[in-house]
PDB file of N, CA and C in Angstrom:
ATOM      1  N   MET A   1      16.865 -48.440  95.212  1.00  0.00           N
ATOM      2  CA  MET A   1      15.963 -48.578  94.053  1.00  0.00           C
ATOM      3  C   MET A   1      16.510 -49.702  93.187  1.00  0.00           C
ATOM      4  N   ASN A   2      15.595 -50.498  92.622  1.00  0.00           N
ATOM      5  CA  ASN A   2      16.159 -51.538  91.727  1.00  0.00           C
ATOM      6  C   ASN A   2      16.160 -50.995  90.266  1.00  0.00           C
ATOM      7  N   MET A   3      16.656 -51.912  89.413  1.00  0.00           N
ATOM      8  CA  MET A   3      16.853 -51.529  88.032  1.00  0.00           C
ATOM      9  C   MET A   3      15.581 -51.095  87.310  1.00  0.00           C
ATOM     10  N   THR A   4      14.549 -51.781  87.540  1.00  0.00           N
ATOM     11  CA  THR A   4      13.284 -51.511  86.857  1.00  0.00           C
ATOM     12  C   THR A   4      12.688 -50.156  87.270  1.00  0.00           C
ATOM     13  N   ASP A   5      12.879 -49.719  88.485  1.00  0.00           N
ATOM     14  CA  ASP A   5      12.438 -48.423  88.943  1.00  0.00           C
ATOM     15  C   ASP A   5      13.232 -47.331  88.247  1.00  0.00           C
ATOM     16  N   VAL A   6      14.472 -47.528  88.149  1.00  0.00           N
ATOM     17  CA  VAL A   6      15.354 -46.473  87.483  1.00  0.00           C
ATOM     18  C   VAL A   6      15.006 -46.478  85.978  1.00  0.00           C
ATOM     19  N   THR A   7      14.759 -47.632  85.347  1.00  0.00           N
ATOM     20  CA  THR A   7      14.318 -47.715  83.950  1.00  0.00           C
ATOM     21  C   THR A   7      13.000 -46.970  83.697  1.00  0.00           C
ATOM     22  N   ASN A   8      12.034 -47.113  84.696  1.00  0.00           N
ATOM     23  CA  ASN A   8      10.772 -46.414  84.615  1.00  0.00           C
ATOM     24  C   ASN A   8      10.938 -44.876  84.735  1.00  0.00           C
ATOM     25  N   LEU A   9      11.780 -44.515  85.598  1.00  0.00           N
ATOM     26  CA  LEU A   9      12.092 -43.078  85.881  1.00  0.00           C
ATOM     27  C   LEU A   9      12.701 -42.493  84.606  1.00  0.00           C
ATOM     28  N   LYS A  10      13.638 -43.209  83.954  1.00  0.00           N
ATOM     29  CA  LYS A  10      14.325 -42.739  82.731  1.00  0.00           C
ATOM     30  C   LYS A  10      13.315 -42.635  81.623  1.00  0.00           C
ATOM     31  N   LYS A  11      12.387 -43.661  81.574  1.00  0.00           N
ATOM     32  CA  LYS A  11      11.411 -43.611  80.459  1.00  0.00           C
ATOM     33  C   LYS A  11      10.408 -42.444  80.718  1.00  0.00           C
ATOM     34  N   ARG A  12      10.100 -42.101  81.973  1.00  0.00           N
ATOM     35  CA  ARG A  12       9.222 -41.006  82.208  1.00  0.00           C
ATOM     36  C   ARG A  12       9.930 -39.656  81.864  1.00  0.00           C
ATOM     37  N   MET A  13      11.148 -39.579  82.108  1.00  0.00           N
ATOM     38  CA  MET A  13      11.908 -38.283  81.717  1.00  0.00           C
ATOM     39  C   MET A  13      11.948 -38.141  80.225  1.00  0.00           C
ATOM     40  N   LEU A  14      12.160 -39.189  79.565  1.00  0.00           N
ATOM     41  CA  LEU A  14      12.201 -39.144  78.102  1.00  0.00           C
ATOM     42  C   LEU A  14      10.854 -38.785  77.541  1.00  0.00           C
ATOM     43  N   ILE A  15       9.817 -39.353  78.027  1.00  0.00           N
ATOM     44  CA  ILE A  15       8.492 -39.088  77.558  1.00  0.00           C
ATOM     45  C   ILE A  15       8.101 -37.547  77.820  1.00  0.00           C
ATOM     46  N   LEU A  16       8.529 -37.068  79.028  1.00  0.00           N
ATOM     47  CA  LEU A  16       8.229 -35.722  79.405  1.00  0.00           C
ATOM     48  C   LEU A  16       8.973 -34.786  78.422  1.00  0.00           C
ATOM     49  N   GLY A  17      10.172 -35.127  78.016  1.00  0.00           N
ATOM     50  CA  GLY A  17      10.948 -34.326  77.097  1.00  0.00           C
ATOM     51  C   GLY A  17      10.295 -34.283  75.698  1.00  0.00           C
ATOM     52  N   ILE A  18       9.850 -35.416  75.285  1.00  0.00           N
ATOM     53  CA  ILE A  18       9.191 -35.528  73.927  1.00  0.00           C
ATOM     54  C   ILE A  18       7.841 -34.795  73.950  1.00  0.00           C
ATOM     55  N   VAL A  19       7.092 -34.934  75.056  1.00  0.00           N
ATOM     56  CA  VAL A  19       5.739 -34.354  75.068  1.00  0.00           C
ATOM     57  C   VAL A  19       5.925 -32.731  75.197  1.00  0.00           C
ATOM     58  N   SER A  20       6.871 -32.358  76.123  1.00  0.00           N
ATOM     59  CA  SER A  20       7.019 -30.903  76.197  1.00  0.00           C
ATOM     60  C   SER A  20       7.573 -30.275  74.921  1.00  0.00           C
ATOM     61  N   ALA A  21       8.437 -30.956  74.179  1.00  0.00           N
ATOM     62  CA  ALA A  21       8.859 -30.413  72.823  1.00  0.00           C
ATOM     63  C   ALA A  21       7.724 -30.402  71.881  1.00  0.00           C
ATOM     64  N   ALA A  22       6.845 -31.360  71.909  1.00  0.00           N
ATOM     65  CA  ALA A  22       5.751 -31.325  70.932  1.00  0.00           C
ATOM     66  C   ALA A  22       4.769 -30.240  71.241  1.00  0.00           C
ATOM     67  N   ILE A  23       4.460 -30.047  72.545  1.00  0.00           N
ATOM     68  CA  ILE A  23       3.581 -28.994  72.990  1.00  0.00           C
ATOM     69  C   ILE A  23       4.158 -27.610  72.567  1.00  0.00           C
ATOM     70  N   LEU A  24       5.443 -27.369  72.928  1.00  0.00           N
ATOM     71  CA  LEU A  24       6.093 -26.016  72.658  1.00  0.00           C
ATOM     72  C   LEU A  24       6.195 -25.778  71.132  1.00  0.00           C
ATOM     73  N   ILE A  25       6.548 -26.823  70.357  1.00  0.00           N
ATOM     74  CA  ILE A  25       6.714 -26.689  68.930  1.00  0.00           C
ATOM     75  C   ILE A  25       5.296 -26.329  68.331  1.00  0.00           C
ATOM     76  N   GLY A  26       4.298 -27.062  68.808  1.00  0.00           N
ATOM     77  CA  GLY A  26       2.926 -26.718  68.322  1.00  0.00           C
ATOM     78  C   GLY A  26       2.502 -25.363  68.589  1.00  0.00           C
ATOM     79  N   LEU A  27       2.764 -24.915  69.853  1.00  0.00           N
ATOM     80  CA  LEU A  27       2.408 -23.533  70.217  1.00  0.00           C
ATOM     81  C   LEU A  27       3.147 -22.437  69.472  1.00  0.00           C
ATOM     82  N   THR A  28       4.369 -22.736  69.196  1.00  0.00           N
ATOM     83  CA  THR A  28       5.237 -21.838  68.428  1.00  0.00           C
ATOM     84  C   THR A  28       4.756 -21.791  67.007  1.00  0.00           C
ATOM     85  N   ALA A  29       4.326 -22.863  66.377  1.00  0.00           N
ATOM     86  CA  ALA A  29       3.756 -22.850  65.083  1.00  0.00           C
ATOM     87  C   ALA A  29       2.470 -22.089  65.083  1.00  0.00           C
ATOM     88  N   LEU A  30       1.651 -22.254  66.117  1.00  0.00           N
ATOM     89  CA  LEU A  30       0.443 -21.438  66.192  1.00  0.00           C
ATOM     90  C   LEU A  30       0.654 -19.967  66.311  1.00  0.00           C
ATOM     91  N   CYS A  31       1.648 -19.598  67.043  1.00  0.00           N
ATOM     92  CA  CYS A  31       2.042 -18.140  67.142  1.00  0.00           C
ATOM     93  C   CYS A  31       2.598 -17.639  65.897  1.00  0.00           C
ATOM     94  N   ALA A  32       3.395 -18.448  65.120  1.00  0.00           N
ATOM     95  CA  ALA A  32       3.954 -17.985  63.902  1.00  0.00           C
ATOM     96  C   ALA A  32       2.889 -17.870  62.871  1.00  0.00           C
ATOM     97  N   LEU A  33       1.882 -18.696  62.905  1.00  0.00           N
ATOM     98  CA  LEU A  33       0.786 -18.569  61.816  1.00  0.00           C
ATOM     99  C   LEU A  33      -0.009 -17.362  62.105  1.00  0.00           C
ATOM    100  N   LYS A  34      -0.058 -16.829  63.268  1.00  0.00           N
ATOM    101  CA  LYS A  34      -0.887 -15.645  63.526  1.00  0.00           C
ATOM    102  C   LYS A  34      -0.358 -14.441  62.894  1.00  0.00           C
ATOM    103  N   PHE A  35       0.925 -14.358  62.740  1.00  0.00           N
ATOM    104  CA  PHE A  35       1.499 -13.109  62.081  1.00  0.00           C
ATOM    105  C   PHE A  35       1.502 -13.307  60.578  1.00  0.00           C
ATOM    106  N   ASN A  36       1.217 -12.218  59.961  1.00  0.00           N
ATOM    107  CA  ASN A  36       0.937 -12.286  58.487  1.00  0.00           C
ATOM    108  C   ASN A  36       2.171 -12.157  57.611  1.00  0.00           C
ATOM    109  N   THR A  37       3.324 -11.769  58.133  1.00  0.00           N
ATOM    110  CA  THR A  37       4.463 -11.640  57.221  1.00  0.00           C
ATOM    111  C   THR A  37       5.354 -12.787  57.580  1.00  0.00           C
ATOM    112  N   LEU A  38       6.131 -13.218  56.505  1.00  0.00           N
ATOM    113  CA  LEU A  38       7.180 -14.252  56.677  1.00  0.00           C
ATOM    114  C   LEU A  38       8.257 -13.845  57.617  1.00  0.00           C
ATOM    115  N   GLU A  39       8.639 -12.552  57.591  1.00  0.00           N
ATOM    116  CA  GLU A  39       9.672 -12.092  58.403  1.00  0.00           C
ATOM    117  C   GLU A  39       9.372 -12.235  59.894  1.00  0.00           C
ATOM    118  N   LYS A  40       8.124 -11.842  60.304  1.00  0.00           N
ATOM    119  CA  LYS A  40       7.781 -11.938  61.638  1.00  0.00           C
ATOM    120  C   LYS A  40       7.603 -13.358  62.102  1.00  0.00           C
ATOM    121  N   SER A  41       7.003 -14.215  61.268  1.00  0.00           N
ATOM    122  CA  SER A  41       6.809 -15.658  61.530  1.00  0.00           C
ATOM    123  C   SER A  41       8.134 -16.353  61.703  1.00  0.00           C
ATOM    124  N   GLY A  42       9.098 -15.998  60.841  1.00  0.00           N
ATOM    125  CA  GLY A  42      10.394 -16.565  60.926  1.00  0.00           C
ATOM    126  C   GLY A  42      11.182 -16.178  62.154  1.00  0.00           C
ATOM    127  N   MET A  43      10.976 -14.904  62.533  1.00  0.00           N
ATOM    128  CA  MET A  43      11.646 -14.394  63.733  1.00  0.00           C
ATOM    129  C   MET A  43      11.116 -15.180  64.971  1.00  0.00           C
ATOM    130  N   ILE A  44       9.862 -15.441  64.992  1.00  0.00           N
ATOM    131  CA  ILE A  44       9.248 -16.159  66.171  1.00  0.00           C
ATOM    132  C   ILE A  44       9.878 -17.591  66.209  1.00  0.00           C
ATOM    133  N   LEU A  45       9.847 -18.235  65.067  1.00  0.00           N
ATOM    134  CA  LEU A  45      10.445 -19.605  65.092  1.00  0.00           C
ATOM    135  C   LEU A  45      11.913 -19.603  65.510  1.00  0.00           C
ATOM    136  N   TYR A  46      12.679 -18.651  65.024  1.00  0.00           N
ATOM    137  CA  TYR A  46      14.019 -18.531  65.385  1.00  0.00           C
ATOM    138  C   TYR A  46      14.246 -18.151  66.835  1.00  0.00           C
ATOM    139  N   MET A  47      13.411 -17.309  67.322  1.00  0.00           N
ATOM    140  CA  MET A  47      13.548 -16.830  68.704  1.00  0.00           C
ATOM    141  C   MET A  47      13.155 -18.022  69.721  1.00  0.00           C
ATOM    142  N   MET A  48      12.197 -18.809  69.365  1.00  0.00           N
ATOM    143  CA  MET A  48      11.733 -19.788  70.375  1.00  0.00           C
ATOM    144  C   MET A  48      12.476 -21.082  70.255  1.00  0.00           C
ATOM    145  N   ALA A  49      13.449 -21.213  69.314  1.00  0.00           N
ATOM    146  CA  ALA A  49      14.137 -22.404  69.197  1.00  0.00           C
ATOM    147  C   ALA A  49      15.059 -22.701  70.480  1.00  0.00           C
ATOM    148  N   VAL A  50      15.679 -21.705  70.947  1.00  0.00           N
ATOM    149  CA  VAL A  50      16.512 -21.882  72.116  1.00  0.00           C
ATOM    150  C   VAL A  50      15.787 -22.334  73.478  1.00  0.00           C
ATOM    151  N   PRO A  51      14.690 -21.647  73.776  1.00  0.00           N
ATOM    152  CA  PRO A  51      13.945 -22.104  74.951  1.00  0.00           C
ATOM    153  C   PRO A  51      13.394 -23.561  74.847  1.00  0.00           C
ATOM    154  N   ILE A  52      12.995 -23.877  73.673  1.00  0.00           N
ATOM    155  CA  ILE A  52      12.454 -25.211  73.411  1.00  0.00           C
ATOM    156  C   ILE A  52      13.651 -26.183  73.484  1.00  0.00           C
ATOM    157  N   PHE A  53      14.768 -25.836  72.942  1.00  0.00           N
ATOM    158  CA  PHE A  53      15.905 -26.757  73.114  1.00  0.00           C
ATOM    159  C   PHE A  53      16.387 -26.950  74.492  1.00  0.00           C
ATOM    160  N   MET A  54      16.378 -25.861  75.229  1.00  0.00           N
ATOM    161  CA  MET A  54      16.786 -25.894  76.724  1.00  0.00           C
ATOM    162  C   MET A  54      15.821 -26.729  77.485  1.00  0.00           C
ATOM    163  N   THR A  55      14.568 -26.672  77.254  1.00  0.00           N
ATOM    164  CA  THR A  55      13.559 -27.470  77.938  1.00  0.00           C
ATOM    165  C   THR A  55      13.749 -28.923  77.645  1.00  0.00           C
ATOM    166  N   VAL A  56      13.923 -29.285  76.399  1.00  0.00           N
ATOM    167  CA  VAL A  56      14.160 -30.695  76.056  1.00  0.00           C
ATOM    168  C   VAL A  56      15.458 -31.205  76.653  1.00  0.00           C
ATOM    169  N   LEU A  57      16.522 -30.303  76.554  1.00  0.00           N
ATOM    170  CA  LEU A  57      17.769 -30.691  77.060  1.00  0.00           C
ATOM    171  C   LEU A  57      17.773 -31.003  78.575  1.00  0.00           C
ATOM    172  N   ALA A  58      16.936 -30.360  79.290  1.00  0.00           N
ATOM    173  CA  ALA A  58      16.841 -30.601  80.708  1.00  0.00           C
ATOM    174  C   ALA A  58      16.437 -32.061  81.029  1.00  0.00           C
ATOM    175  N   PHE A  59      15.400 -32.536  80.247  1.00  0.00           N
ATOM    176  CA  PHE A  59      14.986 -33.878  80.382  1.00  0.00           C
ATOM    177  C   PHE A  59      15.926 -34.857  79.799  1.00  0.00           C
ATOM    178  N   VAL A  60      16.552 -34.521  78.720  1.00  0.00           N
ATOM    179  CA  VAL A  60      17.556 -35.387  78.115  1.00  0.00           C
ATOM    180  C   VAL A  60      18.690 -35.632  79.071  1.00  0.00           C
ATOM    181  N   PHE A  61      19.213 -34.553  79.693  1.00  0.00           N
ATOM    182  CA  PHE A  61      20.330 -34.736  80.645  1.00  0.00           C
ATOM    183  C   PHE A  61      19.911 -35.536  81.819  1.00  0.00           C
ATOM    184  N   GLY A  62      18.706 -35.441  82.270  1.00  0.00           N
ATOM    185  CA  GLY A  62      18.216 -36.271  83.337  1.00  0.00           C
ATOM    186  C   GLY A  62      18.204 -37.738  82.928  1.00  0.00           C
ATOM    187  N   TYR A  63      17.777 -38.001  81.723  1.00  0.00           N
ATOM    188  CA  TYR A  63      17.679 -39.299  81.192  1.00  0.00           C
ATOM    189  C   TYR A  63      19.074 -39.906  81.039  1.00  0.00           C
ATOM    190  N   VAL A  64      19.993 -39.165  80.544  1.00  0.00           N
ATOM    191  CA  VAL A  64      21.372 -39.639  80.373  1.00  0.00           C
ATOM    192  C   VAL A  64      22.135 -39.891  81.653  1.00  0.00           C
ATOM    193  N   ASP A  65      21.926 -38.895  82.637  1.00  0.00           N
ATOM    194  CA  ASP A  65      22.685 -39.011  83.849  1.00  0.00           C
ATOM    195  C   ASP A  65      22.239 -40.014  84.824  1.00  0.00           C
ATOM    196  N   LEU A  66      20.901 -40.357  84.833  1.00  0.00           N
ATOM    197  CA  LEU A  66      20.374 -41.324  85.808  1.00  0.00           C
ATOM    198  C   LEU A  66      20.890 -42.703  85.440  1.00  0.00           C
ATOM    199  N   ASN A  67      21.360 -43.434  86.449  1.00  0.00           N
ATOM    200  CA  ASN A  67      21.687 -44.870  86.289  1.00  0.00           C
ATOM    201  C   ASN A  67      21.423 -45.568  87.541  1.00  0.00           C
ATOM    202  N   GLU A  68      21.414 -46.967  87.358  1.00  0.00           N
ATOM    203  CA  GLU A  68      21.019 -47.789  88.530  1.00  0.00           C
ATOM    204  C   GLU A  68      22.091 -47.910  89.570  1.00  0.00           C
ATOM    205  N   ARG A  69      23.337 -47.428  89.313  1.00  0.00           N
ATOM    206  CA  ARG A  69      24.383 -47.492  90.313  1.00  0.00           C
ATOM    207  C   ARG A  69      24.255 -46.397  91.392  1.00  0.00           C
ATOM    208  N   MET A  70      23.398 -45.458  91.181  1.00  0.00           N
ATOM    209  CA  MET A  70      23.188 -44.341  92.144  1.00  0.00           C
ATOM    210  C   MET A  70      22.402 -44.770  93.352  1.00  0.00           C
ATOM    211  N   ASP A  71      22.726 -44.137  94.458  1.00  0.00           N
ATOM    212  CA  ASP A  71      21.902 -44.485  95.622  1.00  0.00           C
ATOM    213  C   ASP A  71      20.620 -43.509  95.678  1.00  0.00           C
ATOM    214  N   GLU A  72      19.832 -43.721  96.715  1.00  0.00           N
ATOM    215  CA  GLU A  72      18.529 -43.064  96.765  1.00  0.00           C
ATOM    216  C   GLU A  72      18.693 -41.512  96.705  1.00  0.00           C
ATOM    217  N   ASP A  73      19.693 -41.006  97.521  1.00  0.00           N
ATOM    218  CA  ASP A  73      19.825 -39.545  97.548  1.00  0.00           C
ATOM    219  C   ASP A  73      20.239 -38.930  96.178  1.00  0.00           C
ATOM    220  N   GLU A  74      21.183 -39.709  95.504  1.00  0.00           N
ATOM    221  CA  GLU A  74      21.563 -39.199  94.212  1.00  0.00           C
ATOM    222  C   GLU A  74      20.445 -39.225  93.165  1.00  0.00           C
ATOM    223  N   ILE A  75      19.598 -40.244  93.230  1.00  0.00           N
ATOM    224  CA  ILE A  75      18.397 -40.332  92.360  1.00  0.00           C
ATOM    225  C   ILE A  75      17.409 -39.296  92.693  1.00  0.00           C
ATOM    226  N   THR A  76      17.210 -39.008  93.978  1.00  0.00           N
ATOM    227  CA  THR A  76      16.304 -37.950  94.360  1.00  0.00           C
ATOM    228  C   THR A  76      16.803 -36.562  93.897  1.00  0.00           C
ATOM    229  N   TYR A  77      18.101 -36.309  94.046  1.00  0.00           N
ATOM    230  CA  TYR A  77      18.646 -35.029  93.527  1.00  0.00           C
ATOM    231  C   TYR A  77      18.562 -34.934  92.059  1.00  0.00           C
ATOM    232  N   MET A  78      18.753 -36.070  91.270  1.00  0.00           N
ATOM    233  CA  MET A  78      18.693 -36.049  89.851  1.00  0.00           C
ATOM    234  C   MET A  78      17.272 -35.765  89.394  1.00  0.00           C
ATOM    235  N   LEU A  79      16.317 -36.348  90.069  1.00  0.00           N
ATOM    236  CA  LEU A  79      14.906 -36.114  89.712  1.00  0.00           C
ATOM    237  C   LEU A  79      14.518 -34.672  90.003  1.00  0.00           C
ATOM    238  N   ARG A  80      14.924 -34.164  91.088  1.00  0.00           N
ATOM    239  CA  ARG A  80      14.477 -32.784  91.459  1.00  0.00           C
ATOM    240  C   ARG A  80      15.199 -31.763  90.485  1.00  0.00           C
ATOM    241  N   ARG A  81      16.425 -32.044  90.174  1.00  0.00           N
ATOM    242  CA  ARG A  81      17.181 -31.150  89.249  1.00  0.00           C
ATOM    243  C   ARG A  81      16.508 -31.142  87.853  1.00  0.00           C
ATOM    244  N   THR A  82      16.098 -32.314  87.447  1.00  0.00           N
ATOM    245  CA  THR A  82      15.569 -32.462  86.096  1.00  0.00           C
ATOM    246  C   THR A  82      14.141 -31.817  86.088  1.00  0.00           C
ATOM    247  N   TYR A  83      13.314 -32.191  87.040  1.00  0.00           N
ATOM    248  CA  TYR A  83      11.999 -31.658  86.977  1.00  0.00           C
ATOM    249  C   TYR A  83      11.838 -30.204  87.319  1.00  0.00           C
ATOM    250  N   ILE A  84      12.707 -29.678  88.220  1.00  0.00           N
ATOM    251  CA  ILE A  84      12.670 -28.189  88.487  1.00  0.00           C
ATOM    252  C   ILE A  84      13.126 -27.430  87.251  1.00  0.00           C
ATOM    253  N   PHE A  85      14.300 -27.793  86.739  1.00  0.00           N
ATOM    254  CA  PHE A  85      14.853 -27.085  85.582  1.00  0.00           C
ATOM    255  C   PHE A  85      14.001 -27.149  84.347  1.00  0.00           C
ATOM    256  N   GLY A  86      13.565 -28.406  84.102  1.00  0.00           N
ATOM    257  CA  GLY A  86      12.640 -28.640  82.951  1.00  0.00           C
ATOM    258  C   GLY A  86      11.323 -27.899  83.065  1.00  0.00           C
ATOM    259  N   GLY A  87      10.775 -27.977  84.274  1.00  0.00           N
ATOM    260  CA  GLY A  87       9.556 -27.286  84.619  1.00  0.00           C
ATOM    261  C   GLY A  87       9.564 -25.800  84.485  1.00  0.00           C
ATOM    262  N   VAL A  88      10.668 -25.228  84.988  1.00  0.00           N
ATOM    263  CA  VAL A  88      10.885 -23.809  84.930  1.00  0.00           C
ATOM    264  C   VAL A  88      11.050 -23.315  83.510  1.00  0.00           C
ATOM    265  N   MET A  89      11.878 -24.030  82.726  1.00  0.00           N
ATOM    266  CA  MET A  89      12.072 -23.702  81.373  1.00  0.00           C
ATOM    267  C   MET A  89      10.722 -23.823  80.516  1.00  0.00           C
ATOM    268  N   PHE A  90      10.009 -24.829  80.821  1.00  0.00           N
ATOM    269  CA  PHE A  90       8.744 -25.107  80.157  1.00  0.00           C
ATOM    270  C   PHE A  90       7.758 -23.973  80.490  1.00  0.00           C
ATOM    271  N   SER A  91       7.727 -23.516  81.783  1.00  0.00           N
ATOM    272  CA  SER A  91       6.824 -22.428  82.162  1.00  0.00           C
ATOM    273  C   SER A  91       7.195 -21.094  81.552  1.00  0.00           C
ATOM    274  N   ILE A  92       8.507 -20.869  81.548  1.00  0.00           N
ATOM    275  CA  ILE A  92       8.936 -19.597  80.944  1.00  0.00           C
ATOM    276  C   ILE A  92       8.640 -19.538  79.521  1.00  0.00           C
ATOM    277  N   THR A  93       8.831 -20.662  78.811  1.00  0.00           N
ATOM    278  CA  THR A  93       8.576 -20.721  77.351  1.00  0.00           C
ATOM    279  C   THR A  93       7.053 -20.599  77.123  1.00  0.00           C
ATOM    280  N   LEU A  94       6.190 -21.137  77.984  1.00  0.00           N
ATOM    281  CA  LEU A  94       4.765 -20.934  77.795  1.00  0.00           C
ATOM    282  C   LEU A  94       4.350 -19.586  77.990  1.00  0.00           C
ATOM    283  N   VAL A  95       5.033 -18.835  79.010  1.00  0.00           N
ATOM    284  CA  VAL A  95       4.686 -17.394  79.190  1.00  0.00           C
ATOM    285  C   VAL A  95       5.055 -16.614  78.005  1.00  0.00           C
ATOM    286  N   ALA A  96       6.245 -16.901  77.390  1.00  0.00           N
ATOM    287  CA  ALA A  96       6.727 -16.232  76.241  1.00  0.00           C
ATOM    288  C   ALA A  96       5.751 -16.464  75.042  1.00  0.00           C
ATOM    289  N   GLU A  97       5.282 -17.737  74.928  1.00  0.00           N
ATOM    290  CA  GLU A  97       4.413 -18.084  73.811  1.00  0.00           C
ATOM    291  C   GLU A  97       3.100 -17.246  73.976  1.00  0.00           C
ATOM    292  N   LEU A  98       2.591 -17.209  75.195  1.00  0.00           N
ATOM    293  CA  LEU A  98       1.360 -16.410  75.458  1.00  0.00           C
ATOM    294  C   LEU A  98       1.575 -14.987  75.156  1.00  0.00           C
ATOM    295  N   ALA A  99       2.694 -14.417  75.532  1.00  0.00           N
ATOM    296  CA  ALA A  99       2.941 -13.011  75.291  1.00  0.00           C
ATOM    297  C   ALA A  99       3.041 -12.736  73.762  1.00  0.00           C
ATOM    298  N   LEU A 100       3.700 -13.594  73.078  1.00  0.00           N
ATOM    299  CA  LEU A 100       3.709 -13.531  71.551  1.00  0.00           C
ATOM    300  C   LEU A 100       2.372 -13.573  70.964  1.00  0.00           C
ATOM    301  N   TYR A 101       1.543 -14.578  71.435  1.00  0.00           N
ATOM    302  CA  TYR A 101       0.198 -14.700  70.872  1.00  0.00           C
ATOM    303  C   TYR A 101      -0.673 -13.484  71.096  1.00  0.00           C
ATOM    304  N   LEU A 102      -0.550 -12.964  72.271  1.00  0.00           N
ATOM    305  CA  LEU A 102      -1.415 -11.763  72.649  1.00  0.00           C
ATOM    306  C   LEU A 102      -0.814 -10.459  72.151  1.00  0.00           C
ATOM    307  N   SER A 103       0.357 -10.432  71.571  1.00  0.00           N
ATOM    308  CA  SER A 103       1.005  -9.175  71.259  1.00  0.00           C
ATOM    309  C   SER A 103       0.346  -8.526  70.024  1.00  0.00           C
ATOM    310  N   THR A 104      -0.412  -9.243  69.214  1.00  0.00           N
ATOM    311  CA  THR A 104      -1.102  -8.557  68.066  1.00  0.00           C
ATOM    312  C   THR A 104      -2.564  -8.373  68.278  1.00  0.00           C
TER     313      THR A 104
END
């Protein structure tokens, strides 16, 4: 892979991290607004901070770790690791958000 391909992959990972954070933060705010007390809303925001952080961190680590000195196999491993872990964390967080939203 050449340097522009690696740069494009890094840019895609960074964009996925930002978009997933925006989606999850928006859904968390929507869930928090559904509850009528400040205590419950605050607990939802506090509880969802870690899964959102872990989702974003998966893409950030992929962005930071990927470089143009890697060979094809290392780049493939890095992409799989990033997308699988980030995707799993995103999916788990979405299920938790849905469960929170449907709980009342």
